[in-house]
C-alpha atoms as a PDB file:
ATOM      1  CA  MET A   1     -34.257 -40.090  -0.635  1.00  0.00           C
ATOM      2  CA  ALA A   2     -31.248 -40.633  -2.736  1.00  0.00           C
ATOM      3  CA  ASN A   3     -29.696 -37.374  -1.085  1.00  0.00           C
ATOM      4  CA  LYS A   4     -30.322 -40.045   2.283  1.00  0.00           C
ATOM      5  CA  LEU A   5     -28.467 -42.840   0.674  1.00  0.00           C
ATOM      6  CA  LEU A   6     -25.011 -40.746  -0.731  1.00  0.00           C
ATOM      7  CA  LYS A   7     -25.052 -39.580   2.818  1.00  0.00           C
ATOM      8  CA  ALA A   8     -25.140 -43.023   4.320  1.00  0.00           C
ATOM      9  CA  ASP A   9     -22.501 -44.826   1.864  1.00  0.00           C
ATOM     10  CA  PRO A  10     -19.460 -45.185   3.890  1.00  0.00           C
ATOM     11  CA  VAL A  11     -17.434 -44.652   0.753  1.00  0.00           C
ATOM     12  CA  TYR A  12     -18.720 -41.072  -0.109  1.00  0.00           C
ATOM     13  CA  SER A  13     -18.330 -40.471   3.801  1.00  0.00           C
ATOM     14  CA  ASN A  14     -14.801 -41.190   3.298  1.00  0.00           C
ATOM     15  CA  TRP A  15     -14.341 -39.534  -0.158  1.00  0.00           C
ATOM     16  CA  LEU A  16     -15.797 -36.765   1.574  1.00  0.00           C
ATOM     17  CA  GLY A  17     -13.223 -36.217   4.131  1.00  0.00           C
ATOM     18  CA  GLU A  18     -10.285 -37.027   1.964  1.00  0.00           C
ATOM     19  CA  ILE A  19     -11.817 -34.104  -0.123  1.00  0.00           C
ATOM     20  CA  LYS A  20     -11.862 -31.510   2.956  1.00  0.00           C
ATOM     21  CA  GLN A  21      -7.796 -33.084   4.090  1.00  0.00           C
ATOM     22  CA  ARG A  22      -6.583 -32.323   0.463  1.00  0.00           C
ATOM     23  CA  TYR A  23      -8.051 -28.807   0.488  1.00  0.00           C
ATOM     24  CA  ALA A  24      -7.040 -27.921   4.151  1.00  0.00           C
ATOM     25  CA  GLN A  25      -3.297 -29.231   2.815  1.00  0.00           C
ATOM     26  CA  SER A  26      -4.020 -27.556  -0.277  1.00  0.00           C
ATOM     27  CA  GLN A  27      -4.612 -23.986   1.598  1.00  0.00           C
ATOM     28  CA  LEU A  28      -1.302 -24.696   4.457  1.00  0.00           C
ATOM     29  CA  LYS A  29       0.787 -25.203   0.855  1.00  0.00           C
ATOM     30  CA  ALA A  30      -0.326 -22.004  -0.565  1.00  0.00           C
ATOM     31  CA  ALA A  31       0.264 -20.198   2.913  1.00  0.00           C
ATOM     32  CA  LEU A  32       3.771 -21.284   2.865  1.00  0.00           C
ATOM     33  CA  GLN A  33       4.207 -20.331  -0.992  1.00  0.00           C
ATOM     34  CA  VAL A  34       3.024 -17.266  -0.031  1.00  0.00           C
ATOM     35  CA  ASN A  35       5.405 -16.436   2.999  1.00  0.00           C
ATOM     36  CA  GLN A  36       8.274 -18.218   0.808  1.00  0.00           C
ATOM     37  CA  GLU A  37       8.088 -15.437  -1.841  1.00  0.00           C
ATOM     38  CA  LEU A  38       7.736 -12.580   0.608  1.00  0.00           C
ATOM     39  CA  LEU A  39      10.939 -13.851   2.201  1.00  0.00           C
ATOM     40  CA  GLN A  40      12.651 -14.055  -1.105  1.00  0.00           C
ATOM     41  CA  PHE A  41      11.327 -10.211  -1.633  1.00  0.00           C
ATOM     42  CA  TYR A  42      11.915  -8.730   1.763  1.00  0.00           C
ATOM     43  CA  TRP A  43      15.614 -10.449   1.290  1.00  0.00           C
ATOM     44  CA  ARG A  44      16.395  -9.105  -1.858  1.00  0.00           C
ATOM     45  CA  LEU A  45      15.231  -5.473  -0.824  1.00  0.00           C
ATOM     46  CA  GLY A  46      17.425  -5.700   2.174  1.00  0.00           C
ATOM     47  CA  ARG A  47      20.349  -6.460  -0.431  1.00  0.00           C
ATOM     48  CA  ASP A  48      19.513  -3.862  -2.921  1.00  0.00           C
ATOM     49  CA  ILE A  49      19.488  -1.337   0.279  1.00  0.00           C
ATOM     50  CA  ILE A  50      23.167  -2.984   0.700  1.00  0.00           C
ATOM     51  CA  LEU A  51      24.531  -3.357  -2.337  1.00  0.00           C
ATOM     52  CA  LEU A  52      22.954   0.632  -3.495  1.00  0.00           C
ATOM     53  CA  GLU A  53      24.617   1.974  -0.457  1.00  0.00           C
ATOM     54  CA  ALA A  54      21.227   3.830   0.090  1.00  0.00           C
ATOM     55  CA  GLU A  55      22.103   5.377   3.106  1.00  0.00           C
ATOM     56  CA  LYS A  56      25.410   6.783   2.221  1.00  0.00           C
ATOM     57  CA  ARG A  57      24.146   7.837  -1.083  1.00  0.00           C
ATOM     58  CA  TRP A  58      20.865   9.184  -0.159  1.00  0.00           C
ATOM     59  CA  GLY A  59      20.932   9.488   3.109  1.00  0.00           C
ATOM     60  CA  THR A  60      18.880   8.455   6.166  1.00  0.00           C
ATOM     61  CA  ALA A  61      15.821  10.349   4.785  1.00  0.00           C
ATOM     62  CA  PHE A  62      15.839   7.453   2.059  1.00  0.00           C
ATOM     63  CA  TYR A  63      14.014   5.597   4.277  1.00  0.00           C
ATOM     64  CA  THR A  64      11.040   7.512   4.648  1.00  0.00           C
ATOM     65  CA  THR A  65      10.900   8.594   0.448  1.00  0.00           C
ATOM     66  CA  LEU A  66      11.429   5.067  -0.517  1.00  0.00           C
ATOM     67  CA  SER A  67       8.454   3.798   2.435  1.00  0.00           C
ATOM     68  CA  ASN A  68       6.190   6.125   0.988  1.00  0.00           C
ATOM     69  CA  ASP A  69       7.065   5.863  -2.945  1.00  0.00           C
ATOM     70  CA  LEU A  70       6.292   1.995  -2.405  1.00  0.00           C
ATOM     71  CA  MET A  71       2.830   2.435  -0.960  1.00  0.00           C
ATOM     72  CA  ASN A  72       2.163   5.000  -3.715  1.00  0.00           C
ATOM     73  CA  LEU A  73       3.197   2.571  -5.896  1.00  0.00           C
ATOM     74  CA  LEU A  74       1.777  -0.697  -4.336  1.00  0.00           C
ATOM     75  CA  PRO A  75      -1.463   0.436  -2.568  1.00  0.00           C
ATOM     76  CA  GLY A  76      -2.614  -1.476   0.163  1.00  0.00           C
ATOM     77  CA  VAL A  77       0.155  -3.356  -0.114  1.00  0.00           C
ATOM     78  CA  LYS A  78       1.209  -3.791   4.049  1.00  0.00           C
ATOM     79  CA  GLY A  79       4.944  -4.066   5.326  1.00  0.00           C
ATOM     80  CA  LEU A  80       6.370  -1.276   3.744  1.00  0.00           C
ATOM     81  CA  SER A  81       6.758   1.200   6.406  1.00  0.00           C
ATOM     82  CA  VAL A  82      10.601   2.722   7.495  1.00  0.00           C
ATOM     83  CA  LYS A  83      10.729   0.283  10.290  1.00  0.00           C
ATOM     84  CA  ASN A  84       9.967  -2.119   8.199  1.00  0.00           C
ATOM     85  CA  LEU A  85      12.566  -1.221   5.431  1.00  0.00           C
ATOM     86  CA  TYR A  86      15.004  -0.929   8.452  1.00  0.00           C
ATOM     87  CA  TYR A  87      14.033  -4.366   9.326  1.00  0.00           C
ATOM     88  CA  MET A  88      14.581  -5.622   5.898  1.00  0.00           C
ATOM     89  CA  LYS A  89      18.207  -4.448   5.662  1.00  0.00           C
ATOM     90  CA  ARG A  90      18.832  -6.098   9.249  1.00  0.00           C
ATOM     91  CA  PHE A  91      17.239  -9.713   7.657  1.00  0.00           C
ATOM     92  CA  PHE A  92      19.722  -9.451   5.035  1.00  0.00           C
ATOM     93  CA  LEU A  93      22.967  -8.445   6.933  1.00  0.00           C
ATOM     94  CA  LEU A  94      22.082 -11.543   9.632  1.00  0.00           C
ATOM     95  CA  THR A  95      21.432 -13.988   6.935  1.00  0.00           C
ATOM     96  CA  ARG A  96      24.057 -13.062   3.891  1.00  0.00           C
ATOM     97  CA  GLU A  97      26.538 -15.425   5.736  1.00  0.00           C
ATOM     98  CA  ASN A  98      24.566 -18.489   5.895  1.00  0.00           C
ATOM     99  CA  GLU A  99      25.162 -20.140   2.909  1.00  0.00           C
ATOM    100  CA  ASN A 100      22.044 -21.906   3.466  1.00  0.00           C
ATOM    101  CA  PHE A 101      19.705 -19.003   3.721  1.00  0.00           C
ATOM    102  CA  PRO A 102      19.960 -18.390   0.011  1.00  0.00           C
ATOM    103  CA  GLN A 103      19.029 -21.502  -1.325  1.00  0.00           C
ATOM    104  CA  ALA A 104      15.986 -22.333   1.307  1.00  0.00           C
ATOM    105  CA  VAL A 105      14.123 -19.621  -0.042  1.00  0.00           C
ATOM    106  CA  GLY A 106      15.240 -19.749  -3.843  1.00  0.00           C
ATOM    107  CA  ASN A 107      16.903 -18.147  -6.512  1.00  0.00           C
ATOM    108  CA  LEU A 108      17.715 -14.495  -5.172  1.00  0.00           C
ATOM    109  CA  ASP A 109      19.584 -12.794  -7.886  1.00  0.00           C
ATOM    110  CA  SER A 110      18.397  -9.617  -8.525  1.00  0.00           C
ATOM    111  CA  PRO A 111      18.273  -8.115 -12.002  1.00  0.00           C
ATOM    112  CA  TYR A 112      19.606  -4.791 -10.918  1.00  0.00           C
ATOM    113  CA  PHE A 113      23.415  -6.619 -10.281  1.00  0.00           C
END
């Protein structure tokens, strides 16, 4: 009986709706934060490839070796294929001239440079 009274109460029903909405907003914010962090990671990795002059130093087989090493180091992580490494390099090259891009995704200082 108490259960039926509680569900019939408009204050309780409205509160449930607000909880549902807040949860959905939290999920969206979390997804956006994850995407922002991944963009930072990809941008940094592309920048590192350029700054290390990786292709000049290690040859074009570097991408295959790096891809395999990263997949072994980070099992189950997707997006570390040879093709995606080229995309990360290109992503950096396309956005490095845009002064607003690094600030838009946060602090992109590498501990290596």
